[in-house]
Amino acid sequence: MEMALSRGLRCCQRIFSWIPVLIITAVVLWSYYAYVFVLCLFTVNNSLEKALYLLLFHVSFGMFSWTYWKSIFTPPATPCKKFQLSYSDKQRYELEERPEAQKQILVEIARKLPISTRAQSGAIRFCDRCQVLKPDRCHHCSVCETCVLKMDHHCPWVNNCVGFSNYKFFLLFLAYSMLYCVLIAATVLQYFLRFWVGDLPTGPAKFHILFLMFVALMFFVSLMFLFSYHCWLVAKNRSTLEAFSAPVFPGGPDKNGFNLGLHRNLLQVFGENRKLWFIPVFTSQGNGHYFPLRSQSSESPLLANEDMWDESDDGSEGSFVGDADPSVTVEMED
């Protein structure tokens, strides 16, 4: 009975989680109708102006829709099998009754992996729900019910976790949303003023034009602050979670632990091919399991060279040059 109730609640939660997406979709579809039909086809009289408006609008609308779709439907990247407990390790871990011995088992597993960050207590991070040792910058999302690589935050407006797999798409979605709002506001302004002063006849078109202007400006202001904040995060190579709580390394917390400088920080998110920076295709560097560090010390494994970690495709365990500190304990996190 309790299990059925729990499943019902989760089902309702998943249904209601799509409400913000449906709201955004409804507003966008209305804006399409108001701009294309009410403004361009029935209000604008100049044919050249009408054609130019329609061309610019559909390009902006297409890029906005593409990036929004990619932000929603790109599944979050999760830790690979090398970070999961193998059958033998899991059986050995579960059969062991002594907590200290269990911790040591996980420490031994962590030595084979490129893990630099720690929990606030200094312990190696372990997710008891997913049964994985957490890679650097990985966190468990209680909404998605999984560990997400380089998790930034869970966004209700895209009903998805923003992380390694779709962070570039999310940034482009914000950028093209702002461009969409700017284009609407700039082209609607003259007709907004003419309706406002009464130069155009009052009718249903007046409501759509006035409301289109207000909605575009309102969304632009909100998006401007959010986009500016994420540009700052990219420049510092931080996630939203890391901005609130600095990542902890064996030497202690360091908010700039992953900050490699503006240029290299941009390359990590957008890739080396600048021609693809503004196209919603995945170009981010790496695979989300390890990241170069700003500075290296004897206490911190070198992650800048991916060849140091043998990530073979045959399912065999990888090896990492540099063992984890054997004195480090393991903390289980949700």
C-alpha atoms as a PDB file:
ATOM      1  CA  MET A   1       0.000   0.000   0.000  1.00  0.00           C
ATOM      2  CA  GLU A   2       2.751   2.407   0.986  1.00  0.00           C
ATOM      3  CA  MET A   3       4.746   1.512  -2.119  1.00  0.00           C
ATOM      4  CA  ALA A   4       1.734   2.136  -4.364  1.00  0.00           C
ATOM      5  CA  LEU A   5       1.146   5.494  -2.658  1.00  0.00           C
ATOM      6  CA  SER A   6       4.780   6.425  -3.110  1.00  0.00           C
ATOM      7  CA  ARG A   7       4.636   5.544  -6.800  1.00  0.00           C
ATOM      8  CA  GLY A   8       1.472   7.611  -7.168  1.00  0.00           C
ATOM      9  CA  LEU A   9       3.103  10.617  -5.542  1.00  0.00           C
ATOM     10  CA  ARG A  10       6.169  10.321  -7.763  1.00  0.00           C
ATOM     11  CA  CYS A  11       3.921  10.069 -10.818  1.00  0.00           C
ATOM     12  CA  CYS A  12       2.036  13.223  -9.782  1.00  0.00           C
ATOM     13  CA  GLN A  13       5.319  14.995  -9.126  1.00  0.00           C
ATOM     14  CA  ARG A  14       6.581  14.154 -12.598  1.00  0.00           C
ATOM     15  CA  ILE A  15       3.351  15.409 -14.169  1.00  0.00           C
ATOM     16  CA  PHE A  16       3.343  18.681 -12.214  1.00  0.00           C
ATOM     17  CA  SER A  17       7.040  19.223 -12.992  1.00  0.00           C
ATOM     18  CA  TRP A  18       6.059  19.845 -16.626  1.00  0.00           C
ATOM     19  CA  ILE A  19       3.775  22.767 -15.714  1.00  0.00           C
ATOM     20  CA  PRO A  20       6.567  25.437 -15.922  1.00  0.00           C
ATOM     21  CA  VAL A  21       7.586  24.073 -19.325  1.00  0.00           C
ATOM     22  CA  LEU A  22       3.984  24.196 -20.523  1.00  0.00           C
ATOM     23  CA  ILE A  23       3.684  27.794 -19.300  1.00  0.00           C
ATOM     24  CA  ILE A  24       6.795  28.856 -21.223  1.00  0.00           C
ATOM     25  CA  THR A  25       5.580  26.958 -24.297  1.00  0.00           C
ATOM     26  CA  ALA A  26       2.153  28.618 -24.129  1.00  0.00           C
ATOM     27  CA  VAL A  27       3.694  32.102 -23.828  1.00  0.00           C
ATOM     28  CA  VAL A  28       6.040  31.434 -26.754  1.00  0.00           C
ATOM     29  CA  LEU A  29       3.244  30.082 -28.964  1.00  0.00           C
ATOM     30  CA  TRP A  30       1.107  33.109 -28.146  1.00  0.00           C
ATOM     31  CA  SER A  31       4.030  35.431 -28.948  1.00  0.00           C
ATOM     32  CA  TYR A  32       4.400  33.682 -32.300  1.00  0.00           C
ATOM     33  CA  TYR A  33       0.732  34.283 -33.106  1.00  0.00           C
ATOM     34  CA  ALA A  34       0.811  37.881 -31.875  1.00  0.00           C
ATOM     35  CA  TYR A  35       3.960  38.772 -33.791  1.00  0.00           C
ATOM     36  CA  VAL A  36       3.519  36.871 -37.053  1.00  0.00           C
ATOM     37  CA  PHE A  37      -0.233  37.201 -37.563  1.00  0.00           C
ATOM     38  CA  VAL A  38      -1.351  40.241 -35.571  1.00  0.00           C
ATOM     39  CA  LEU A  39       1.704  42.451 -36.091  1.00  0.00           C
ATOM     40  CA  CYS A  40       3.307  41.412 -39.379  1.00  0.00           C
ATOM     41  CA  LEU A  41       0.341  40.211 -41.423  1.00  0.00           C
ATOM     42  CA  PHE A  42      -2.429  42.559 -40.207  1.00  0.00           C
ATOM     43  CA  THR A  43      -0.694  45.651 -38.776  1.00  0.00           C
ATOM     44  CA  VAL A  44       2.497  46.291 -40.782  1.00  0.00           C
ATOM     45  CA  ASN A  45       1.656  47.713 -44.204  1.00  0.00           C
ATOM     46  CA  ASN A  46       5.104  48.044 -45.753  1.00  0.00           C
ATOM     47  CA  SER A  47       5.899  44.809 -47.621  1.00  0.00           C
ATOM     48  CA  LEU A  48       9.675  45.143 -47.274  1.00  0.00           C
ATOM     49  CA  GLU A  49       9.407  45.851 -43.556  1.00  0.00           C
ATOM     50  CA  LYS A  50       7.023  42.946 -43.158  1.00  0.00           C
ATOM     51  CA  ALA A  51       9.376  40.525 -44.950  1.00  0.00           C
ATOM     52  CA  LEU A  52      12.382  41.702 -42.923  1.00  0.00           C
ATOM     53  CA  TYR A  53      10.513  41.333 -39.646  1.00  0.00           C
ATOM     54  CA  LEU A  54       9.338  37.844 -40.539  1.00  0.00           C
ATOM     55  CA  LEU A  55      12.830  36.739 -41.578  1.00  0.00           C
ATOM     56  CA  LEU A  56      14.562  38.027 -38.450  1.00  0.00           C
ATOM     57  CA  PHE A  57      11.814  36.725 -36.202  1.00  0.00           C
ATOM     58  CA  HIS A  58      11.849  33.185 -37.582  1.00  0.00           C
ATOM     59  CA  VAL A  59      15.649  32.958 -37.348  1.00  0.00           C
ATOM     60  CA  SER A  60      15.523  34.114 -33.731  1.00  0.00           C
ATOM     61  CA  PHE A  61      12.527  31.914 -32.971  1.00  0.00           C
ATOM     62  CA  GLY A  62      14.236  28.886 -34.514  1.00  0.00           C
ATOM     63  CA  MET A  63      17.458  29.304 -32.503  1.00  0.00           C
ATOM     64  CA  PHE A  64      15.511  29.927 -29.313  1.00  0.00           C
ATOM     65  CA  SER A  65      13.324  26.845 -29.845  1.00  0.00           C
ATOM     66  CA  TRP A  66      16.300  24.666 -30.758  1.00  0.00           C
ATOM     67  CA  THR A  67      18.299  25.581 -27.649  1.00  0.00           C
ATOM     68  CA  TYR A  68      15.243  25.272 -25.404  1.00  0.00           C
ATOM     69  CA  TRP A  69      14.505  21.814 -26.799  1.00  0.00           C
ATOM     70  CA  LYS A  70      18.123  20.749 -26.287  1.00  0.00           C
ATOM     71  CA  SER A  71      18.089  22.044 -22.697  1.00  0.00           C
ATOM     72  CA  ILE A  72      14.941  20.062 -21.926  1.00  0.00           C
ATOM     73  CA  PHE A  73      15.581  16.757 -23.643  1.00  0.00           C
ATOM     74  CA  THR A  74      19.344  16.308 -23.262  1.00  0.00           C
ATOM     75  CA  PRO A  75      19.584  13.713 -20.479  1.00  0.00           C
ATOM     76  CA  PRO A  76      21.910  14.523 -17.567  1.00  0.00           C
ATOM     77  CA  ALA A  77      25.328  12.900 -17.775  1.00  0.00           C
ATOM     78  CA  THR A  78      25.824  10.363 -14.989  1.00  0.00           C
ATOM     79  CA  PRO A  79      28.994   8.717 -13.608  1.00  0.00           C
ATOM     80  CA  CYS A  80      30.380   5.898 -15.721  1.00  0.00           C
ATOM     81  CA  LYS A  81      30.750   2.317 -14.530  1.00  0.00           C
ATOM     82  CA  LYS A  82      34.258   2.904 -13.221  1.00  0.00           C
ATOM     83  CA  PHE A  83      32.796   5.011 -10.415  1.00  0.00           C
ATOM     84  CA  GLN A  84      30.171   2.411  -9.558  1.00  0.00           C
ATOM     85  CA  LEU A  85      30.831  -0.397  -7.153  1.00  0.00           C
ATOM     86  CA  SER A  86      31.489  -3.627  -8.987  1.00  0.00           C
ATOM     87  CA  TYR A  87      29.505  -6.701  -8.029  1.00  0.00           C
ATOM     88  CA  SER A  88      32.384  -8.092  -5.993  1.00  0.00           C
ATOM     89  CA  ASP A  89      33.126  -4.762  -4.291  1.00  0.00           C
ATOM     90  CA  LYS A  90      29.468  -4.198  -3.535  1.00  0.00           C
ATOM     91  CA  GLN A  91      29.100  -7.674  -2.076  1.00  0.00           C
ATOM     92  CA  ARG A  92      32.262  -7.222  -0.015  1.00  0.00           C
ATOM     93  CA  TYR A  93      31.036  -3.820   1.154  1.00  0.00           C
ATOM     94  CA  GLU A  94      27.564  -5.040   2.139  1.00  0.00           C
ATOM     95  CA  LEU A  95      28.831  -8.154   3.918  1.00  0.00           C
ATOM     96  CA  GLU A  96      31.263  -6.107   5.973  1.00  0.00           C
ATOM     97  CA  GLU A  97      29.612  -5.073   9.234  1.00  0.00           C
ATOM     98  CA  ARG A  98      32.358  -2.823  10.604  1.00  0.00           C
ATOM     99  CA  PRO A  99      31.914   0.819   9.481  1.00  0.00           C
ATOM    100  CA  GLU A 100      35.647   1.507   9.453  1.00  0.00           C
ATOM    101  CA  ALA A 101      36.275  -1.536   7.289  1.00  0.00           C
ATOM    102  CA  GLN A 102      33.538  -0.392   4.899  1.00  0.00           C
ATOM    103  CA  LYS A 103      35.191   2.999   4.658  1.00  0.00           C
ATOM    104  CA  GLN A 104      38.522   1.402   3.872  1.00  0.00           C
ATOM    105  CA  ILE A 105      36.971  -0.644   1.065  1.00  0.00           C
ATOM    106  CA  LEU A 106      35.698   2.531  -0.557  1.00  0.00           C
ATOM    107  CA  VAL A 107      39.038   4.270  -0.043  1.00  0.00           C
ATOM    108  CA  GLU A 108      40.757   1.432  -1.894  1.00  0.00           C
ATOM    109  CA  ILE A 109      38.319   1.825  -4.786  1.00  0.00           C
ATOM    110  CA  ALA A 110      38.839   5.596  -4.836  1.00  0.00           C
ATOM    111  CA  ARG A 111      42.593   5.160  -5.289  1.00  0.00           C
ATOM    112  CA  LYS A 112      41.981   3.922  -8.841  1.00  0.00           C
ATOM    113  CA  LEU A 113      39.921   6.994  -9.785  1.00  0.00           C
ATOM    114  CA  PRO A 114      40.801  10.636 -10.557  1.00  0.00           C
ATOM    115  CA  ILE A 115      39.009  12.097  -7.546  1.00  0.00           C
ATOM    116  CA  SER A 116      40.329  15.353  -6.076  1.00  0.00           C
ATOM    117  CA  THR A 117      37.391  16.898  -4.243  1.00  0.00           C
ATOM    118  CA  ARG A 118      36.193  15.899  -0.810  1.00  0.00           C
ATOM    119  CA  ALA A 119      33.133  16.396   1.368  1.00  0.00           C
ATOM    120  CA  GLN A 120      33.081  19.275   3.843  1.00  0.00           C
ATOM    121  CA  SER A 121      34.440  16.910   6.486  1.00  0.00           C
ATOM    122  CA  GLY A 122      37.362  15.981   4.253  1.00  0.00           C
ATOM    123  CA  ALA A 123      35.923  12.558   3.453  1.00  0.00           C
ATOM    124  CA  ILE A 124      35.738  11.007   0.008  1.00  0.00           C
ATOM    125  CA  ARG A 125      32.268  11.624  -1.370  1.00  0.00           C
ATOM    126  CA  PHE A 126      30.053   8.570  -1.822  1.00  0.00           C
ATOM    127  CA  CYS A 127      26.400   8.461  -2.888  1.00  0.00           C
ATOM    128  CA  ASP A 128      24.604   5.747  -0.975  1.00  0.00           C
ATOM    129  CA  ARG A 129      21.543   5.989  -3.263  1.00  0.00           C
ATOM    130  CA  CYS A 130      23.373   5.569  -6.569  1.00  0.00           C
ATOM    131  CA  GLN A 131      26.134   3.418  -5.070  1.00  0.00           C
ATOM    132  CA  VAL A 132      28.858   5.466  -6.780  1.00  0.00           C
ATOM    133  CA  LEU A 133      31.935   7.351  -5.712  1.00  0.00           C
ATOM    134  CA  LYS A 134      31.216  10.880  -6.853  1.00  0.00           C
ATOM    135  CA  PRO A 135      33.525  12.323  -9.513  1.00  0.00           C
ATOM    136  CA  ASP A 136      34.718  15.877  -9.029  1.00  0.00           C
ATOM    137  CA  ARG A 137      31.878  18.439  -9.338  1.00  0.00           C
ATOM    138  CA  CYS A 138      29.269  15.663  -9.386  1.00  0.00           C
ATOM    139  CA  HIS A 139      26.197  15.935  -7.130  1.00  0.00           C
ATOM    140  CA  HIS A 140      23.050  13.925  -6.508  1.00  0.00           C
ATOM    141  CA  CYS A 141      19.805  15.504  -7.737  1.00  0.00           C
ATOM    142  CA  SER A 142      16.834  14.525  -5.604  1.00  0.00           C
ATOM    143  CA  VAL A 143      14.424  15.512  -8.395  1.00  0.00           C
ATOM    144  CA  CYS A 144      16.097  13.505 -11.162  1.00  0.00           C
ATOM    145  CA  GLU A 145      16.987  10.827  -8.599  1.00  0.00           C
ATOM    146  CA  THR A 146      20.497  10.353  -9.970  1.00  0.00           C
ATOM    147  CA  CYS A 147      24.021  11.718  -9.659  1.00  0.00           C
ATOM    148  CA  VAL A 148      24.724  14.376 -12.309  1.00  0.00           C
ATOM    149  CA  LEU A 149      28.186  15.182 -13.665  1.00  0.00           C
ATOM    150  CA  LYS A 150      29.238  18.800 -13.099  1.00  0.00           C
ATOM    151  CA  MET A 151      25.788  19.583 -11.792  1.00  0.00           C
ATOM    152  CA  ASP A 152      24.949  23.282 -11.855  1.00  0.00           C
ATOM    153  CA  HIS A 153      21.343  23.228 -10.665  1.00  0.00           C
ATOM    154  CA  HIS A 154      17.971  21.662 -11.350  1.00  0.00           C
ATOM    155  CA  CYS A 155      15.975  24.105 -13.471  1.00  0.00           C
ATOM    156  CA  PRO A 156      12.159  23.818 -13.241  1.00  0.00           C
ATOM    157  CA  TRP A 157      11.735  25.908 -16.420  1.00  0.00           C
ATOM    158  CA  VAL A 158      13.394  23.184 -18.500  1.00  0.00           C
ATOM    159  CA  ASN A 159      12.372  20.353 -16.129  1.00  0.00           C
ATOM    160  CA  ASN A 160      15.906  19.025 -16.270  1.00  0.00           C
ATOM    161  CA  CYS A 161      19.206  19.107 -14.450  1.00  0.00           C
ATOM    162  CA  VAL A 162      21.634  21.625 -15.904  1.00  0.00           C
ATOM    163  CA  GLY A 163      25.038  19.996 -15.884  1.00  0.00           C
ATOM    164  CA  PHE A 164      27.924  18.791 -18.007  1.00  0.00           C
ATOM    165  CA  SER A 165      25.807  17.403 -20.849  1.00  0.00           C
ATOM    166  CA  ASN A 166      23.611  20.463 -21.442  1.00  0.00           C
ATOM    167  CA  TYR A 167      25.243  23.480 -19.748  1.00  0.00           C
ATOM    168  CA  LYS A 168      26.275  24.960 -23.109  1.00  0.00           C
ATOM    169  CA  PHE A 169      22.724  24.479 -24.407  1.00  0.00           C
ATOM    170  CA  PHE A 170      21.330  26.209 -21.321  1.00  0.00           C
ATOM    171  CA  LEU A 171      23.639  29.214 -21.800  1.00  0.00           C
ATOM    172  CA  LEU A 172      22.668  29.473 -25.470  1.00  0.00           C
ATOM    173  CA  PHE A 173      19.014  29.155 -24.491  1.00  0.00           C
ATOM    174  CA  LEU A 174      19.382  32.177 -22.199  1.00  0.00           C
ATOM    175  CA  ALA A 175      21.285  34.123 -24.864  1.00  0.00           C
ATOM    176  CA  TYR A 176      18.820  33.412 -27.670  1.00  0.00           C
ATOM    177  CA  SER A 177      15.895  34.078 -25.341  1.00  0.00           C
ATOM    178  CA  MET A 178      17.301  37.549 -24.695  1.00  0.00           C
ATOM    179  CA  LEU A 179      17.826  38.069 -28.428  1.00  0.00           C
ATOM    180  CA  TYR A 180      14.249  36.938 -29.047  1.00  0.00           C
ATOM    181  CA  CYS A 181      12.923  39.466 -26.530  1.00  0.00           C
ATOM    182  CA  VAL A 182      15.138  42.286 -27.869  1.00  0.00           C
ATOM    183  CA  LEU A 183      14.003  41.666 -31.444  1.00  0.00           C
ATOM    184  CA  ILE A 184      10.336  41.691 -30.451  1.00  0.00           C
ATOM    185  CA  ALA A 185      10.679  44.842 -28.327  1.00  0.00           C
ATOM    186  CA  ALA A 186      12.702  46.730 -30.952  1.00  0.00           C
ATOM    187  CA  THR A 187      10.356  45.969 -33.851  1.00  0.00           C
ATOM    188  CA  VAL A 188       7.125  46.326 -31.888  1.00  0.00           C
ATOM    189  CA  LEU A 189       8.092  49.641 -30.257  1.00  0.00           C
ATOM    190  CA  GLN A 190       6.837  51.997 -32.980  1.00  0.00           C
ATOM    191  CA  TYR A 191       3.472  50.210 -33.201  1.00  0.00           C
ATOM    192  CA  PHE A 192       3.273  50.061 -29.426  1.00  0.00           C
ATOM    193  CA  LEU A 193       3.637  53.878 -29.300  1.00  0.00           C
ATOM    194  CA  ARG A 194       1.111  54.392 -32.096  1.00  0.00           C
ATOM    195  CA  PHE A 195      -1.454  52.214 -30.298  1.00  0.00           C
ATOM    196  CA  TRP A 196      -0.650  53.974 -27.036  1.00  0.00           C
ATOM    197  CA  VAL A 197      -1.299  57.466 -28.418  1.00  0.00           C
ATOM    198  CA  GLY A 198      -4.313  56.343 -30.457  1.00  0.00           C
ATOM    199  CA  ASP A 199      -2.878  56.661 -33.979  1.00  0.00           C
ATOM    200  CA  LEU A 200      -4.040  53.131 -34.771  1.00  0.00           C
ATOM    201  CA  PRO A 201      -7.643  51.946 -34.418  1.00  0.00           C
ATOM    202  CA  THR A 202      -8.566  50.197 -31.188  1.00  0.00           C
ATOM    203  CA  GLY A 203      -9.259  46.489 -31.527  1.00  0.00           C
ATOM    204  CA  PRO A 204      -7.982  43.037 -30.571  1.00  0.00           C
ATOM    205  CA  ALA A 205      -4.657  43.854 -32.210  1.00  0.00           C
ATOM    206  CA  LYS A 206      -4.052  46.636 -29.685  1.00  0.00           C
ATOM    207  CA  PHE A 207      -4.181  44.197 -26.769  1.00  0.00           C
ATOM    208  CA  HIS A 208      -1.766  41.789 -28.434  1.00  0.00           C
ATOM    209  CA  ILE A 209       0.739  44.508 -29.386  1.00  0.00           C
ATOM    210  CA  LEU A 210       0.719  46.180 -25.962  1.00  0.00           C
ATOM    211  CA  PHE A 211       0.957  42.901 -24.097  1.00  0.00           C
ATOM    212  CA  LEU A 212       3.689  41.641 -26.452  1.00  0.00           C
ATOM    213  CA  MET A 213       5.810  44.669 -25.586  1.00  0.00           C
ATOM    214  CA  PHE A 214       5.343  44.309 -21.833  1.00  0.00           C
ATOM    215  CA  VAL A 215       6.044  40.553 -21.846  1.00  0.00           C
ATOM    216  CA  ALA A 216       9.181  40.981 -23.982  1.00  0.00           C
ATOM    217  CA  LEU A 217      10.596  43.640 -21.652  1.00  0.00           C
ATOM    218  CA  MET A 218       9.675  41.721 -18.512  1.00  0.00           C
ATOM    219  CA  PHE A 219      11.337  38.507 -19.706  1.00  0.00           C
ATOM    220  CA  PHE A 220      14.371  40.401 -21.003  1.00  0.00           C
ATOM    221  CA  VAL A 221      15.087  41.976 -17.617  1.00  0.00           C
ATOM    222  CA  SER A 222      14.776  38.632 -15.834  1.00  0.00           C
ATOM    223  CA  LEU A 223      16.927  36.832 -18.408  1.00  0.00           C
ATOM    224  CA  MET A 224      19.561  39.575 -18.380  1.00  0.00           C
ATOM    225  CA  PHE A 225      20.292  39.067 -14.679  1.00  0.00           C
ATOM    226  CA  LEU A 226      20.324  35.277 -14.998  1.00  0.00           C
ATOM    227  CA  PHE A 227      22.506  35.289 -18.114  1.00  0.00           C
ATOM    228  CA  SER A 228      24.950  37.778 -16.571  1.00  0.00           C
ATOM    229  CA  TYR A 229      25.266  35.582 -13.501  1.00  0.00           C
ATOM    230  CA  HIS A 230      26.040  32.483 -15.565  1.00  0.00           C
ATOM    231  CA  CYS A 231      28.555  34.418 -17.676  1.00  0.00           C
ATOM    232  CA  TRP A 232      30.331  35.268 -14.425  1.00  0.00           C
ATOM    233  CA  LEU A 233      30.227  31.597 -13.412  1.00  0.00           C
ATOM    234  CA  VAL A 234      31.732  30.538 -16.752  1.00  0.00           C
ATOM    235  CA  ALA A 235      34.467  33.175 -16.442  1.00  0.00           C
ATOM    236  CA  LYS A 236      35.354  31.805 -12.985  1.00  0.00           C
ATOM    237  CA  ASN A 237      34.783  28.151 -13.989  1.00  0.00           C
ATOM    238  CA  ARG A 238      32.277  27.559 -11.197  1.00  0.00           C
ATOM    239  CA  SER A 239      28.882  25.959 -11.038  1.00  0.00           C
ATOM    240  CA  THR A 240      25.961  27.488  -9.163  1.00  0.00           C
ATOM    241  CA  LEU A 241      26.474  24.937  -6.386  1.00  0.00           C
ATOM    242  CA  GLU A 242      30.188  25.770  -6.184  1.00  0.00           C
ATOM    243  CA  ALA A 243      29.403  29.481  -6.001  1.00  0.00           C
ATOM    244  CA  PHE A 244      27.363  28.876  -2.845  1.00  0.00           C
ATOM    245  CA  SER A 245      29.727  26.277  -1.377  1.00  0.00           C
ATOM    246  CA  ALA A 246      33.366  26.193  -2.478  1.00  0.00           C
ATOM    247  CA  PRO A 247      34.666  22.768  -3.541  1.00  0.00           C
ATOM    248  CA  VAL A 248      36.807  21.094  -0.909  1.00  0.00           C
ATOM    249  CA  PHE A 249      40.192  19.621  -1.776  1.00  0.00           C
ATOM    250  CA  PRO A 250      42.597  17.663   0.436  1.00  0.00           C
ATOM    251  CA  GLY A 251      44.174  20.998   1.334  1.00  0.00           C
ATOM    252  CA  GLY A 252      40.841  22.606   2.195  1.00  0.00           C
ATOM    253  CA  PRO A 253      38.091  24.634   0.443  1.00  0.00           C
ATOM    254  CA  ASP A 254      39.146  26.557  -2.657  1.00  0.00           C
ATOM    255  CA  LYS A 255      36.573  28.527  -4.630  1.00  0.00           C
ATOM    256  CA  ASN A 256      39.077  28.965  -7.475  1.00  0.00           C
ATOM    257  CA  GLY A 257      40.204  25.346  -7.551  1.00  0.00           C
ATOM    258  CA  PHE A 258      38.990  24.830 -11.141  1.00  0.00           C
ATOM    259  CA  ASN A 259      39.672  28.379 -12.384  1.00  0.00           C
ATOM    260  CA  LEU A 260      42.177  28.097 -15.250  1.00  0.00           C
ATOM    261  CA  GLY A 261      41.845  31.647 -16.559  1.00  0.00           C
ATOM    262  CA  LEU A 262      39.158  33.179 -18.749  1.00  0.00           C
ATOM    263  CA  HIS A 263      40.277  31.670 -22.063  1.00  0.00           C
ATOM    264  CA  ARG A 264      40.673  28.091 -20.845  1.00  0.00           C
ATOM    265  CA  ASN A 265      37.462  28.379 -18.816  1.00  0.00           C
ATOM    266  CA  LEU A 266      35.558  29.312 -21.973  1.00  0.00           C
ATOM    267  CA  LEU A 267      37.117  26.427 -23.870  1.00  0.00           C
ATOM    268  CA  GLN A 268      35.948  23.951 -21.236  1.00  0.00           C
ATOM    269  CA  VAL A 269      32.314  24.905 -21.833  1.00  0.00           C
ATOM    270  CA  PHE A 270      32.270  25.850 -25.527  1.00  0.00           C
ATOM    271  CA  GLY A 271      35.163  23.842 -26.965  1.00  0.00           C
ATOM    272  CA  GLU A 272      38.077  24.851 -29.169  1.00  0.00           C
ATOM    273  CA  ASN A 273      36.140  25.313 -32.428  1.00  0.00           C
ATOM    274  CA  ARG A 274      34.851  28.872 -32.166  1.00  0.00           C
ATOM    275  CA  LYS A 275      32.647  28.396 -35.233  1.00  0.00           C
ATOM    276  CA  LEU A 276      30.473  26.061 -33.134  1.00  0.00           C
ATOM    277  CA  TRP A 277      30.289  28.203 -30.005  1.00  0.00           C
ATOM    278  CA  PHE A 278      26.876  29.639 -30.866  1.00  0.00           C
ATOM    279  CA  ILE A 279      25.446  26.468 -32.407  1.00  0.00           C
ATOM    280  CA  PRO A 280      23.537  24.114 -30.047  1.00  0.00           C
ATOM    281  CA  VAL A 281      25.759  21.081 -30.599  1.00  0.00           C
ATOM    282  CA  PHE A 282      27.818  19.520 -27.835  1.00  0.00           C
ATOM    283  CA  THR A 283      31.418  20.793 -27.950  1.00  0.00           C
ATOM    284  CA  SER A 284      32.423  20.929 -24.270  1.00  0.00           C
ATOM    285  CA  GLN A 285      35.837  19.525 -23.403  1.00  0.00           C
ATOM    286  CA  GLY A 286      36.335  16.263 -21.538  1.00  0.00           C
ATOM    287  CA  ASN A 287      33.764  13.740 -20.411  1.00  0.00           C
ATOM    288  CA  GLY A 288      32.681  15.299 -17.121  1.00  0.00           C
ATOM    289  CA  HIS A 289      34.497  12.843 -14.855  1.00  0.00           C
ATOM    290  CA  TYR A 290      37.650  14.853 -14.208  1.00  0.00           C
ATOM    291  CA  PHE A 291      38.729  18.470 -14.644  1.00  0.00           C
ATOM    292  CA  PRO A 292      42.075  20.290 -14.743  1.00  0.00           C
ATOM    293  CA  LEU A 293      42.978  22.045 -11.510  1.00  0.00           C
ATOM    294  CA  ARG A 294      44.240  25.596 -11.117  1.00  0.00           C
ATOM    295  CA  SER A 295      47.231  24.546  -9.083  1.00  0.00           C
ATOM    296  CA  GLN A 296      48.728  21.179  -8.283  1.00  0.00           C
ATOM    297  CA  SER A 297      50.311  19.980  -5.063  1.00  0.00           C
ATOM    298  CA  SER A 298      51.542  16.720  -3.598  1.00  0.00           C
ATOM    299  CA  GLU A 299      48.152  16.277  -1.959  1.00  0.00           C
ATOM    300  CA  SER A 300      46.146  16.746  -5.129  1.00  0.00           C
ATOM    301  CA  PRO A 301      46.273  14.342  -8.089  1.00  0.00           C
ATOM    302  CA  LEU A 302      47.096  15.793 -11.445  1.00  0.00           C
ATOM    303  CA  LEU A 303      43.975  15.830 -13.601  1.00  0.00           C
ATOM    304  CA  ALA A 304      45.044  18.047 -16.462  1.00  0.00           C
ATOM    305  CA  ASN A 305      46.397  15.085 -18.456  1.00  0.00           C
ATOM    306  CA  GLU A 306      43.589  12.737 -19.407  1.00  0.00           C
ATOM    307  CA  ASP A 307      46.105  10.045 -20.428  1.00  0.00           C
ATOM    308  CA  MET A 308      46.953   9.521 -16.754  1.00  0.00           C
ATOM    309  CA  TRP A 309      43.611   7.795 -16.306  1.00  0.00           C
ATOM    310  CA  ASP A 310      43.159   4.720 -18.437  1.00  0.00           C
ATOM    311  CA  GLU A 311      39.482   4.773 -19.385  1.00  0.00           C
ATOM    312  CA  SER A 312      39.334   1.691 -21.564  1.00  0.00           C
ATOM    313  CA  ASP A 313      36.154   0.719 -23.352  1.00  0.00           C
ATOM    314  CA  ASP A 314      36.373  -2.951 -22.525  1.00  0.00           C
ATOM    315  CA  GLY A 315      34.952  -2.504 -19.056  1.00  0.00           C
ATOM    316  CA  SER A 316      38.262  -3.122 -17.289  1.00  0.00           C
ATOM    317  CA  GLU A 317      39.195  -0.965 -14.361  1.00  0.00           C
ATOM    318  CA  GLY A 318      41.133   2.176 -15.096  1.00  0.00           C
ATOM    319  CA  SER A 319      44.299   3.075 -13.265  1.00  0.00           C
ATOM    320  CA  PHE A 320      45.293   6.493 -12.043  1.00  0.00           C
ATOM    321  CA  VAL A 321      48.800   7.696 -11.364  1.00  0.00           C
ATOM    322  CA  GLY A 322      48.738   8.895  -7.798  1.00  0.00           C
ATOM    323  CA  ASP A 323      46.877   7.204  -4.948  1.00  0.00           C
ATOM    324  CA  ALA A 324      44.275   8.764  -2.737  1.00  0.00           C
ATOM    325  CA  ASP A 325      45.362   9.643   0.748  1.00  0.00           C
ATOM    326  CA  PRO A 326      44.939   6.406   2.764  1.00  0.00           C
ATOM    327  CA  SER A 327      44.108   8.434   5.838  1.00  0.00           C
ATOM    328  CA  VAL A 328      41.046   9.899   4.160  1.00  0.00           C
ATOM    329  CA  THR A 329      37.708   8.516   5.321  1.00  0.00           C
ATOM    330  CA  VAL A 330      34.574   8.106   3.270  1.00  0.00           C
ATOM    331  CA  GLU A 331      31.385  10.043   3.846  1.00  0.00           C
ATOM    332  CA  MET A 332      28.097   8.845   2.416  1.00  0.00           C
ATOM    333  CA  GLU A 333      26.033  11.578   0.841  1.00  0.00           C
ATOM    334  CA  ASP A 334      22.610  11.760  -0.712  1.00  0.00           C
END
